[in-house]
PDB file of N, CA and C in Angstrom:
ATOM      1  N   UNK A   1       0.848  -1.187   0.000  1.00  0.00           N
ATOM      2  CA  UNK A   1       0.000   0.000   0.000  1.00  0.00           C
ATOM      3  C   UNK A   1       0.887   1.241   0.000  1.00  0.00           C
ATOM      4  N   UNK A   2       0.455   2.287  -0.635  1.00  0.00           N
ATOM      5  CA  UNK A   2       1.215   3.526  -0.707  1.00  0.00           C
ATOM      6  C   UNK A   2       0.380   4.678  -0.167  1.00  0.00           C
ATOM      7  N   UNK A   3       1.057   5.746   0.195  1.00  0.00           N
ATOM      8  CA  UNK A   3       0.388   6.943   0.705  1.00  0.00           C
ATOM      9  C   UNK A   3       0.681   8.109  -0.226  1.00  0.00           C
ATOM     10  N   UNK A   4      -0.292   8.995  -0.356  1.00  0.00           N
ATOM     11  CA  UNK A   4      -0.157  10.169  -1.214  1.00  0.00           C
ATOM     12  C   UNK A   4      -0.570  11.399  -0.411  1.00  0.00           C
ATOM     13  N   UNK A   5       0.164  12.480  -0.564  1.00  0.00           N
ATOM     14  CA  UNK A   5      -0.201  13.774   0.017  1.00  0.00           C
ATOM     15  C   UNK A   5       0.019  14.825  -1.060  1.00  0.00           C
ATOM     16  N   UNK A   6      -0.722  15.900  -0.980  1.00  0.00           N
ATOM     17  CA  UNK A   6      -0.605  16.978  -1.960  1.00  0.00           C
ATOM     18  C   UNK A   6      -0.144  18.240  -1.247  1.00  0.00           C
ATOM     19  N   UNK A   7       0.958  18.799  -1.716  1.00  0.00           N
ATOM     20  CA  UNK A   7       1.480  20.060  -1.191  1.00  0.00           C
ATOM     21  C   UNK A   7       1.274  21.131  -2.250  1.00  0.00           C
ATOM     22  N   UNK A   8       0.479  22.135  -1.915  1.00  0.00           N
ATOM     23  CA  UNK A   8       0.255  23.270  -2.807  1.00  0.00           C
ATOM     24  C   UNK A   8       1.206  24.360  -2.338  1.00  0.00           C
ATOM     25  N   UNK A   9       2.224  24.644  -3.140  1.00  0.00           N
ATOM     26  CA  UNK A   9       3.266  25.589  -2.706  1.00  0.00           C
ATOM     27  C   UNK A   9       2.903  27.037  -3.019  1.00  0.00           C
ATOM     28  N   UNK A  10       1.639  27.350  -2.817  1.00  0.00           N
ATOM     29  CA  UNK A  10       1.130  28.713  -2.932  1.00  0.00           C
ATOM     30  C   UNK A  10       0.394  29.024  -1.633  1.00  0.00           C
ATOM     31  N   UNK A  11       0.407  30.282  -1.236  1.00  0.00           N
ATOM     32  CA  UNK A  11      -0.216  30.659   0.031  1.00  0.00           C
ATOM     33  C   UNK A  11      -1.732  30.667  -0.076  1.00  0.00           C
ATOM     34  N   UNK A  12      -2.376  30.044   0.899  1.00  0.00           N
ATOM     35  CA  UNK A  12      -3.829  30.037   0.989  1.00  0.00           C
ATOM     36  C   UNK A  12      -4.259  31.229   1.839  1.00  0.00           C
ATOM     37  N   UNK A  13      -4.978  32.163   1.228  1.00  0.00           N
ATOM     38  CA  UNK A  13      -5.455  33.350   1.936  1.00  0.00           C
ATOM     39  C   UNK A  13      -6.718  33.838   1.239  1.00  0.00           C
ATOM     40  N   UNK A  14      -7.445  34.774   1.862  1.00  0.00           N
ATOM     41  CA  UNK A  14      -8.641  35.313   1.211  1.00  0.00           C
ATOM     42  C   UNK A  14      -8.343  35.988  -0.134  1.00  0.00           C
ATOM     43  N   UNK A  15      -7.095  36.420  -0.341  1.00  0.00           N
ATOM     44  CA  UNK A  15      -6.718  37.087  -1.588  1.00  0.00           C
ATOM     45  C   UNK A  15      -6.139  36.120  -2.622  1.00  0.00           C
ATOM     46  N   UNK A  16      -6.172  34.814  -2.347  1.00  0.00           N
ATOM     47  CA  UNK A  16      -5.573  33.824  -3.248  1.00  0.00           C
ATOM     48  C   UNK A  16      -6.221  33.869  -4.626  1.00  0.00           C
ATOM     49  N   UNK A  17      -5.407  33.549  -5.622  1.00  0.00           N
ATOM     50  CA  UNK A  17      -5.875  33.575  -7.001  1.00  0.00           C
ATOM     51  C   UNK A  17      -6.359  32.219  -7.498  1.00  0.00           C
ATOM     52  N   UNK A  18      -6.433  32.096  -8.811  1.00  0.00           N
ATOM     53  CA  UNK A  18      -7.021  30.939  -9.467  1.00  0.00           C
ATOM     54  C   UNK A  18      -6.351  29.608  -9.202  1.00  0.00           C
ATOM     55  N   UNK A  19      -5.029  29.577  -9.164  1.00  0.00           N
ATOM     56  CA  UNK A  19      -4.339  28.306  -8.942  1.00  0.00           C
ATOM     57  C   UNK A  19      -4.660  27.738  -7.558  1.00  0.00           C
ATOM     58  N   UNK A  20      -4.681  28.592  -6.549  1.00  0.00           N
ATOM     59  CA  UNK A  20      -4.999  28.142  -5.196  1.00  0.00           C
ATOM     60  C   UNK A  20      -6.467  27.745  -5.120  1.00  0.00           C
ATOM     61  N   UNK A  21      -7.341  28.512  -5.739  1.00  0.00           N
ATOM     62  CA  UNK A  21      -8.772  28.199  -5.726  1.00  0.00           C
ATOM     63  C   UNK A  21      -9.039  26.856  -6.393  1.00  0.00           C
ATOM     64  N   UNK A  22      -8.295  26.531  -7.463  1.00  0.00           N
ATOM     65  CA  UNK A  22      -8.428  25.239  -8.133  1.00  0.00           C
ATOM     66  C   UNK A  22      -8.166  24.105  -7.136  1.00  0.00           C
ATOM     67  N   UNK A  23      -7.034  24.177  -6.425  1.00  0.00           N
ATOM     68  CA  UNK A  23      -6.686  23.122  -5.478  1.00  0.00           C
ATOM     69  C   UNK A  23      -7.626  23.112  -4.282  1.00  0.00           C
ATOM     70  N   UNK A  24      -8.116  24.274  -3.898  1.00  0.00           N
ATOM     71  CA  UNK A  24      -9.079  24.350  -2.799  1.00  0.00           C
ATOM     72  C   UNK A  24     -10.374  23.631  -3.195  1.00  0.00           C
ATOM     73  N   UNK A  25     -10.818  23.816  -4.435  1.00  0.00           N
ATOM     74  CA  UNK A  25     -12.013  23.129  -4.929  1.00  0.00           C
ATOM     75  C   UNK A  25     -11.808  21.619  -4.982  1.00  0.00           C
ATOM     76  N   UNK A  26     -10.618  21.179  -5.403  1.00  0.00           N
ATOM     77  CA  UNK A  26     -10.308  19.752  -5.408  1.00  0.00           C
ATOM     78  C   UNK A  26     -10.380  19.205  -3.978  1.00  0.00           C
ATOM     79  N   UNK A  27      -9.817  19.949  -3.032  1.00  0.00           N
ATOM     80  CA  UNK A  27      -9.842  19.533  -1.624  1.00  0.00           C
ATOM     81  C   UNK A  27     -11.277  19.354  -1.136  1.00  0.00           C
ATOM     82  N   UNK A  28     -12.146  20.330  -1.384  1.00  0.00           N
ATOM     83  CA  UNK A  28     -13.522  20.238  -0.904  1.00  0.00           C
ATOM     84  C   UNK A  28     -14.295  19.136  -1.619  1.00  0.00           C
ATOM     85  N   UNK A  29     -14.014  18.888  -2.884  1.00  0.00           N
ATOM     86  CA  UNK A  29     -14.646  17.777  -3.605  1.00  0.00           C
ATOM     87  C   UNK A  29     -14.211  16.445  -3.008  1.00  0.00           C
ATOM     88  N   UNK A  30     -12.935  16.330  -2.689  1.00  0.00           N
ATOM     89  CA  UNK A  30     -12.392  15.106  -2.107  1.00  0.00           C
ATOM     90  C   UNK A  30     -12.998  14.844  -0.734  1.00  0.00           C
ATOM     91  N   UNK A  31     -13.247  15.884   0.018  1.00  0.00           N
ATOM     92  CA  UNK A  31     -13.800  15.730   1.359  1.00  0.00           C
ATOM     93  C   UNK A  31     -15.176  15.063   1.321  1.00  0.00           C
ATOM     94  N   UNK A  32     -15.917  15.222   0.227  1.00  0.00           N
ATOM     95  CA  UNK A  32     -17.244  14.616   0.098  1.00  0.00           C
ATOM     96  C   UNK A  32     -17.158  13.122  -0.180  1.00  0.00           C
ATOM     97  N   UNK A  33     -16.016  12.659  -0.685  1.00  0.00           N
ATOM     98  CA  UNK A  33     -15.811  11.247  -1.010  1.00  0.00           C
ATOM     99  C   UNK A  33     -15.361  10.490   0.235  1.00  0.00           C
ATOM    100  N   UNK A  34     -15.949   9.347   0.440  1.00  0.00           N
ATOM    101  CA  UNK A  34     -15.509   8.497   1.546  1.00  0.00           C
ATOM    102  C   UNK A  34     -14.370   7.624   1.049  1.00  0.00           C
ATOM    103  N   UNK A  35     -13.516   7.199   1.953  1.00  0.00           N
ATOM    104  CA  UNK A  35     -12.398   6.316   1.628  1.00  0.00           C
ATOM    105  C   UNK A  35     -11.431   6.963   0.638  1.00  0.00           C
ATOM    106  N   UNK A  36     -11.124   8.219   0.868  1.00  0.00           N
ATOM    107  CA  UNK A  36     -10.179   8.941   0.007  1.00  0.00           C
ATOM    108  C   UNK A  36      -9.217   9.725   0.907  1.00  0.00           C
ATOM    109  N   UNK A  37      -8.314   9.011   1.597  1.00  0.00           N
ATOM    110  CA  UNK A  37      -7.443   9.669   2.580  1.00  0.00           C
ATOM    111  C   UNK A  37      -6.226  10.355   1.954  1.00  0.00           C
ATOM    112  N   UNK A  38      -6.448  11.460   1.279  1.00  0.00           N
ATOM    113  CA  UNK A  38      -5.342  12.212   0.678  1.00  0.00           C
ATOM    114  C   UNK A  38      -5.243  13.553   1.403  1.00  0.00           C
ATOM    115  N   UNK A  39      -4.228  13.747   2.231  1.00  0.00           N
ATOM    116  CA  UNK A  39      -4.091  15.033   2.920  1.00  0.00           C
ATOM    117  C   UNK A  39      -3.578  16.129   1.983  1.00  0.00           C
ATOM    118  N   UNK A  40      -4.084  17.325   2.185  1.00  0.00           N
ATOM    119  CA  UNK A  40      -3.652  18.498   1.424  1.00  0.00           C
ATOM    120  C   UNK A  40      -2.909  19.424   2.367  1.00  0.00           C
ATOM    121  N   UNK A  41      -1.855  20.051   1.876  1.00  0.00           N
ATOM    122  CA  UNK A  41      -1.085  21.027   2.639  1.00  0.00           C
ATOM    123  C   UNK A  41      -0.929  22.284   1.791  1.00  0.00           C
ATOM    124  N   UNK A  42      -1.285  23.420   2.366  1.00  0.00           N
ATOM    125  CA  UNK A  42      -1.128  24.709   1.712  1.00  0.00           C
ATOM    126  C   UNK A  42      -0.107  25.518   2.498  1.00  0.00           C
ATOM    127  N   UNK A  43       0.602  26.411   1.838  1.00  0.00           N
ATOM    128  CA  UNK A  43       1.501  27.330   2.528  1.00  0.00           C
ATOM    129  C   UNK A  43       0.680  28.446   3.150  1.00  0.00           C
ATOM    130  N   UNK A  44       1.234  29.090   4.153  1.00  0.00           N
ATOM    131  CA  UNK A  44       0.570  30.227   4.771  1.00  0.00           C
ATOM    132  C   UNK A  44       0.235  29.956   6.228  1.00  0.00           C
ATOM    133  N   UNK A  45      -0.363  30.943   6.861  1.00  0.00           N
ATOM    134  CA  UNK A  45      -0.732  30.823   8.267  1.00  0.00           C
ATOM    135  C   UNK A  45      -1.929  29.897   8.406  1.00  0.00           C
ATOM    136  N   UNK A  46      -1.961  29.165   9.518  1.00  0.00           N
ATOM    137  CA  UNK A  46      -3.063  28.253   9.790  1.00  0.00           C
ATOM    138  C   UNK A  46      -4.320  29.058  10.090  1.00  0.00           C
ATOM    139  N   UNK A  47      -5.423  28.656   9.501  1.00  0.00           N
ATOM    140  CA  UNK A  47      -6.687  29.385   9.680  1.00  0.00           C
ATOM    141  C   UNK A  47      -7.333  29.087  11.006  1.00  0.00           C
TER     142      UNK A  47
END
């Protein structure tokens, strides 16, 4: 078995642009799926 994590090397903030919003949408879509343990990591301060 293997593990996968996604690191988005752009800062997540209210002023974030399209690239960050794309990955944010993928994250929220993934959260709706069960049995999909892929952690996401964004740069920036913790919300």
